[in-house]
Each structure stands twice: as C-alpha cells, then as structure tokens.
Amino acid sequence: MPRKPRNLRSGYAYHITIRCNNREFKLQKRECREVFLYAIKKALNKYNFKLYALCIMSNHVHYLIEPAQPEDLPKIMHFLNWYTAMCFNRMLRRTGHSSTMLTTGFWEKRYFSDGFPASDKDRALNTLRYIHGNPKAAKMRSGFFYDFSNYGSYERLTDDGLTQWHPAFLQLGNSLEECAKKYKGFCQRYKPKEKKTPTRCHWGSKLLAGVHLSEKGSTTNPKKSKSRLVQTPCQVSESPELTRIVSQFIDANRAPRETVNRL
C-alpha cells in the first residue's frame, strides 16, 4: 500500500518524531547523543531551518522544525537520518551493504510529522511543553532540565548555538524575563500521560549486548562475519568542533547549579 504524501505548507512548523528501529535503546550512549548535536549543526548550516525545540531520548528524538521552504523538510530529515546512522553504526560497530541499509537499519523507515501554522500560539506552546516534558514523562528527570533538551534555553534565556525561541514564547510577556517566567509556570502545570509499556520484549538485546551478529539471511561463516566488523572508530566523535558545539548546547541548557537534578 503506497504511503500518503506529507502535507507540507509554507510558514508551518513541524513536530517531528523519529524512533530507533524496533524502538531499541540505541541512543543510550552519551557519545551518540553528542554526535547528534553535531549532525544538527551541520544540517542547520546546510538547510538554514529554524529549530525551536529538541529532545534526544535514548530510543527516539523530538524536533520542532520550521523549514525555510516546505520541500526542505524531507531533505533535512533524510540528511539527519543518513548522517547520524552512518556515524552511529560505525561507533556501535554495525555494518551493511549500503548507506540505505545502514540508515533503515538504525532508524524506523518513516518519521512522524505533524505541522501547524505559526499563528497557532496554543498549539505551539503545547508542542514545546510536550517535547520538553519528555524526560519527565519517561521518569528520567523529576523536572524539565535535561542535557539533551533545549528547555534550559527557554527558562534561562541562553543561546545554545542550535535552537531559537518560538514566536509563541516571545508573545507570553512584555520582556524576555516575563516570557521565561510564564513558560516555566506553564511547564510546571504539565501532567504527562502515563505511557503504555511496549508489549514487545527486548530482553534478547540485553543478553546479546556487545555480541556482533551476522546480517539477516547470511550464512554463519566466522571468517565472513569477522571481516564485516568495522574496526575504525567514528572520527567525528573526536572532533574539536563537536566538543565546542556540545559544550555550548549543554552549558546553555543545564539546570543552574543549585537546582541540578541528582536523579
């Protein structure tokens, strides 16, 4: 059955959710999430889009994106998914026959996309809060501050080098401080819905952690399997530019020292 074409419109922002294949926790490694920030910077330079919200979880990622042109959205997502999959597969020592196989092997084939016009202030604020509230809803944090979310830039009014404030946020008050105060209160009233526990069992993934399996359908030939392992690390993860981008993002979004979450 053919996929329905996405309804892309000028001046719309899009809530994007992309999940790891089989909802596996492939982004648990901090290094993977750091490389993700670097990939977003490269995508921003390439496509010049607006990124209003971001939250990188351990098995999925949320964005709130406004592309410069509607037709840029699929290009942005293709670049991000391709680039991150290539890096992550190398970091995690996974291989495949082609870049397409590697990308689809890491991410689910189709990402969730829900757009709304810039004039829809309520929708924008609720989407921002939903994205920023993900770590709390997942019980990873008791509050909203999280190193790989840009909530901190809204409450602390900082520049993380990747994201910017949504116009709906800037309409909350007569000053930036008032906007931040009102958004903080809006988030504190958030009561996330209990997420259903997936019925699919991933105990096998935990038992086989660190074990390299051959490709599906291939013969179990030890020599072939060994030759397919990637031996070189991802050079991006050691880049000084990556360190700078990650440091700026995390420093801008981290909770103030006196309120750092100990969880």
Protein backbone atom coordinates (compact mmCIF):
# COMPACT_ATOMS: atom_id res chain seq x y z
CA MET A 1 0.00 0.00 0.00
CA PRO A 2 1.55 3.36 -1.04
CA ARG A 3 2.36 5.89 1.65
CA LYS A 4 0.26 9.02 1.89
CA PRO A 5 2.23 12.09 0.76
CA ARG A 6 3.06 14.56 3.51
CA ASN A 7 1.05 17.77 3.55
CA LEU A 8 3.79 20.41 3.59
CA ARG A 9 2.85 24.09 3.77
CA SER A 10 4.74 27.37 3.80
CA GLY A 11 5.07 29.06 7.19
CA TYR A 12 4.31 25.84 9.11
CA ALA A 13 6.33 24.39 11.95
CA TYR A 14 6.51 20.60 12.19
CA HIS A 15 6.68 18.38 15.24
CA ILE A 16 8.92 15.53 14.13
CA THR A 17 9.48 12.27 15.97
CA ILE A 18 11.98 9.69 14.73
CA ARG A 19 12.48 6.38 16.53
CA CYS A 20 15.29 3.86 16.56
CA ASN A 21 14.43 0.70 14.69
CA ASN A 22 12.37 -1.72 16.83
CA ARG A 23 12.37 1.03 19.48
CA GLU A 24 15.70 -0.25 20.74
CA PHE A 25 17.70 1.99 23.08
CA LYS A 26 20.49 2.74 20.61
CA LEU A 27 21.00 6.31 21.81
CA GLN A 28 21.80 5.35 25.39
CA LYS A 29 25.48 6.12 24.87
CA ARG A 30 26.20 9.75 25.63
CA GLU A 31 28.62 9.85 22.69
CA CYS A 32 25.77 9.09 20.29
CA ARG A 33 23.68 11.97 21.58
CA GLU A 34 26.70 14.27 21.34
CA VAL A 35 27.24 13.29 17.69
CA PHE A 36 23.55 14.00 17.13
CA LEU A 37 24.06 17.62 18.21
CA TYR A 38 26.95 17.90 15.78
CA ALA A 39 24.79 16.46 12.96
CA ILE A 40 22.06 19.01 13.70
CA LYS A 41 24.60 21.83 13.40
CA LYS A 42 25.68 20.53 10.01
CA ALA A 43 22.03 20.29 8.89
CA LEU A 44 21.34 23.85 10.08
CA ASN A 45 24.29 25.15 8.06
CA LYS A 46 23.16 23.20 5.00
CA TYR A 47 19.40 23.96 5.03
CA ASN A 48 19.07 27.12 7.15
CA PHE A 49 15.92 25.98 9.00
CA LYS A 50 14.58 27.10 12.39
CA LEU A 51 14.82 24.64 15.25
CA TYR A 52 12.50 25.65 18.09
CA ALA A 53 12.58 22.53 20.25
CA LEU A 54 14.76 19.47 20.61
CA CYS A 55 14.85 16.46 22.91
CA ILE A 56 17.16 13.49 22.28
CA MET A 57 15.94 10.48 24.26
CA SER A 58 17.53 7.03 24.44
CA ASN A 59 15.41 5.49 21.66
CA HIS A 60 13.77 8.44 19.88
CA VAL A 61 14.20 12.12 19.08
CA HIS A 62 11.73 15.02 19.05
CA TYR A 63 12.16 18.19 16.98
CA LEU A 64 10.05 21.26 16.33
CA ILE A 65 11.28 22.48 12.94
CA GLU A 66 10.27 25.29 10.61
CA PRO A 67 11.97 24.74 7.23
CA ALA A 68 12.92 27.71 5.05
CA GLN A 69 10.89 26.08 2.25
CA PRO A 70 8.23 23.37 2.77
CA GLU A 71 10.00 21.00 0.38
CA ASP A 72 13.16 21.20 2.52
CA LEU A 73 11.68 19.15 5.37
CA PRO A 74 12.18 15.70 3.75
CA LYS A 75 15.70 16.75 2.74
CA ILE A 76 16.53 17.83 6.29
CA MET A 77 15.26 14.58 7.76
CA HIS A 78 16.99 12.47 5.13
CA PHE A 79 20.30 14.20 5.82
CA LEU A 80 19.96 13.89 9.62
CA ASN A 81 18.92 10.23 9.48
CA TRP A 82 21.60 9.31 6.96
CA TYR A 83 24.45 11.17 8.66
CA THR A 84 23.64 10.01 12.20
CA ALA A 85 23.06 6.40 11.14
CA MET A 86 26.41 6.28 9.36
CA CYS A 87 28.18 7.65 12.44
CA PHE A 88 26.27 5.55 14.97
CA ASN A 89 26.67 2.31 13.04
CA ARG A 90 30.41 2.87 12.97
CA MET A 91 30.52 3.82 16.66
CA LEU A 92 28.42 0.78 17.57
CA ARG A 93 30.38 -1.47 15.18
CA ARG A 94 27.43 -2.20 12.87
CA THR A 95 27.81 -2.57 9.10
CA GLY A 96 25.74 -3.14 6.00
CA HIS A 97 25.96 -3.32 2.22
CA SER A 98 24.95 0.29 1.56
CA SER A 99 24.19 3.63 3.21
CA THR A 100 20.47 2.95 2.67
CA MET A 101 20.68 -0.35 4.53
CA LEU A 102 22.58 1.26 7.38
CA THR A 103 20.10 4.13 7.68
CA THR A 104 16.96 1.98 7.62
CA GLY A 105 18.65 -0.50 9.97
CA PHE A 106 19.18 2.17 12.60
CA TRP A 107 16.02 4.30 12.27
CA GLU A 108 12.42 3.36 11.62
CA LYS A 109 11.59 3.79 7.96
CA ARG A 110 9.07 6.62 8.40
CA TYR A 111 9.17 9.51 10.86
CA PHE A 112 6.12 11.12 12.48
CA SER A 113 5.36 14.64 11.26
CA ASP A 114 2.59 16.98 12.43
CA GLY A 115 2.50 20.57 11.17
CA PHE A 116 0.69 23.71 12.26
CA PRO A 117 0.83 27.42 11.28
CA ALA A 118 2.98 29.93 13.15
CA SER A 119 -0.19 31.80 14.15
CA ASP A 120 -1.44 28.86 16.26
CA LYS A 121 0.04 30.02 19.57
CA ASP A 122 -1.69 27.44 21.78
CA ARG A 123 -0.62 24.55 19.58
CA ALA A 124 2.95 25.82 19.54
CA LEU A 125 3.18 26.20 23.34
CA ASN A 126 1.63 22.78 23.96
CA THR A 127 4.02 21.17 21.47
CA LEU A 128 7.02 22.89 23.06
CA ARG A 129 5.94 21.70 26.50
CA TYR A 130 5.28 18.16 25.28
CA ILE A 131 8.76 17.92 23.76
CA HIS A 132 10.47 19.49 26.76
CA GLY A 133 8.46 17.29 29.12
CA ASN A 134 9.60 14.00 27.58
CA PRO A 135 12.37 13.24 30.11
CA LYS A 136 9.92 13.91 32.96
CA ALA A 137 7.20 11.77 31.37
CA ALA A 138 9.73 8.95 30.98
CA LYS A 139 10.70 9.38 34.66
CA MET A 140 14.27 10.15 33.66
CA ARG A 141 14.04 13.51 35.43
CA SER A 142 11.82 14.99 38.10
CA GLY A 143 11.87 18.37 36.33
CA PHE A 144 12.35 19.74 32.83
CA PHE A 145 16.10 20.38 32.72
CA TYR A 146 17.94 17.76 30.67
CA ASP A 147 21.34 17.98 28.94
CA PHE A 148 19.97 16.93 25.55
CA SER A 149 16.84 19.09 25.50
CA ASN A 150 16.69 22.83 24.84
CA TYR A 151 14.25 23.57 27.68
CA GLY A 152 17.03 25.34 29.58
CA SER A 153 17.42 27.95 26.85
CA TYR A 154 13.77 28.94 27.38
CA GLU A 155 13.90 29.17 31.17
CA ARG A 156 17.42 30.58 31.48
CA LEU A 157 17.27 32.71 28.28
CA THR A 158 20.55 31.31 26.99
CA ASP A 159 21.97 30.74 23.49
CA ASP A 160 22.75 27.06 22.90
CA GLY A 161 24.06 27.58 19.37
CA LEU A 162 21.44 25.34 17.72
CA THR A 163 17.92 26.39 18.67
CA GLN A 164 15.90 29.59 18.88
CA TRP A 165 12.79 30.70 20.76
CA HIS A 166 9.43 30.14 19.11
CA PRO A 167 7.39 33.33 18.37
CA ALA A 168 4.62 32.00 20.64
CA PHE A 169 7.07 32.03 23.55
CA LEU A 170 8.04 35.63 22.78
CA GLN A 171 4.37 36.66 22.97
CA LEU A 172 3.97 35.48 26.55
CA GLY A 173 5.12 38.76 28.11
CA ASN A 174 6.46 42.27 27.62
CA SER A 175 10.04 41.24 28.40
CA LEU A 176 12.15 38.12 27.91
CA GLU A 177 12.23 37.60 31.66
CA GLU A 178 8.42 37.66 31.82
CA CYS A 179 8.19 35.23 28.89
CA ALA A 180 10.57 32.83 30.64
CA LYS A 181 8.70 33.08 33.93
CA LYS A 182 5.33 32.39 32.30
CA TYR A 183 6.66 29.49 30.23
CA LYS A 184 8.22 27.97 33.35
CA GLY A 185 4.86 28.16 35.13
CA PHE A 186 3.11 26.70 32.08
CA CYS A 187 5.51 23.75 32.13
CA GLN A 188 5.16 23.22 35.87
CA ARG A 189 1.42 22.69 35.38
CA TYR A 190 2.12 19.90 32.89
CA LYS A 191 0.79 16.48 33.83
CA PRO A 192 2.17 13.94 31.36
CA LYS A 193 0.01 11.00 30.49
CA GLU A 194 1.20 7.59 31.59
CA LYS A 195 2.94 5.95 28.64
CA LYS A 196 1.91 2.43 27.79
CA THR A 197 4.63 -0.14 28.29
CA PRO A 198 5.53 -1.69 24.90
CA THR A 199 4.37 -5.29 24.63
CA ARG A 200 7.42 -6.22 22.60
CA CYS A 201 10.16 -7.79 24.72
CA HIS A 202 13.74 -6.65 24.24
CA TRP A 203 15.40 -8.99 26.77
CA GLY A 204 17.31 -10.62 23.92
CA SER A 205 19.00 -7.33 23.07
CA LYS A 206 20.29 -7.03 26.64
CA LEU A 207 21.55 -10.60 26.74
CA LEU A 208 23.35 -10.14 23.42
CA ALA A 209 24.82 -6.72 24.24
CA GLY A 210 28.29 -6.48 22.75
CA VAL A 211 27.80 -9.58 20.56
CA HIS A 212 28.16 -8.93 16.81
CA LEU A 213 25.70 -10.95 14.73
CA SER A 214 25.92 -11.53 11.00
CA GLU A 215 23.41 -9.94 8.60
CA LYS A 216 19.96 -11.48 8.27
CA GLY A 217 19.92 -14.22 5.74
CA SER A 218 23.70 -14.59 5.58
CA THR A 219 25.47 -17.85 6.34
CA THR A 220 27.17 -18.15 9.69
CA ASN A 221 30.71 -18.11 8.41
CA PRO A 222 33.06 -16.86 11.16
CA LYS A 223 35.58 -15.50 8.65
CA LYS A 224 32.94 -13.51 6.76
CA SER A 225 31.34 -12.26 9.94
CA LYS A 226 34.67 -11.12 11.31
CA SER A 227 35.55 -9.28 8.12
CA ARG A 228 32.28 -7.34 8.24
CA LEU A 229 33.05 -5.70 11.60
CA VAL A 230 34.06 -2.07 11.42
CA GLN A 231 37.46 -1.65 13.03
CA THR A 232 37.90 2.13 12.81
CA PRO A 233 36.13 4.48 15.24
CA CYS A 234 33.95 7.35 14.08
CA GLN A 235 36.37 10.27 13.72
CA VAL A 236 33.55 12.79 14.20
CA SER A 237 33.22 11.83 17.87
CA GLU A 238 36.79 13.04 18.43
CA SER A 239 36.40 16.34 16.58
CA PRO A 240 37.24 19.61 18.43
CA GLU A 241 34.32 21.24 16.64
CA LEU A 242 31.97 18.62 18.07
CA THR A 243 33.33 19.31 21.56
CA ARG A 244 32.66 23.03 21.13
CA ILE A 245 29.10 22.52 19.82
CA VAL A 246 28.22 20.02 22.56
CA SER A 247 29.70 22.17 25.33
CA GLN A 248 27.77 25.25 24.25
CA PHE A 249 24.48 23.34 23.97
CA ILE A 250 24.76 21.52 27.29
CA ASP A 251 26.06 24.53 29.22
CA ALA A 252 23.17 26.63 27.92
CA ASN A 253 20.51 24.05 28.78
CA ARG A 254 21.80 22.55 32.00
CA ALA A 255 20.00 23.38 35.25
CA PRO A 256 21.52 26.06 37.48
CA ARG A 257 23.97 24.54 39.98
CA GLU A 258 21.66 24.90 42.97
CA THR A 259 18.84 23.01 41.24
CA VAL A 260 20.78 20.28 39.44
CA ASN A 261 18.72 17.10 39.34
CA ARG A 262 20.50 14.28 41.16
CA LEU A 263 18.43 11.55 39.56
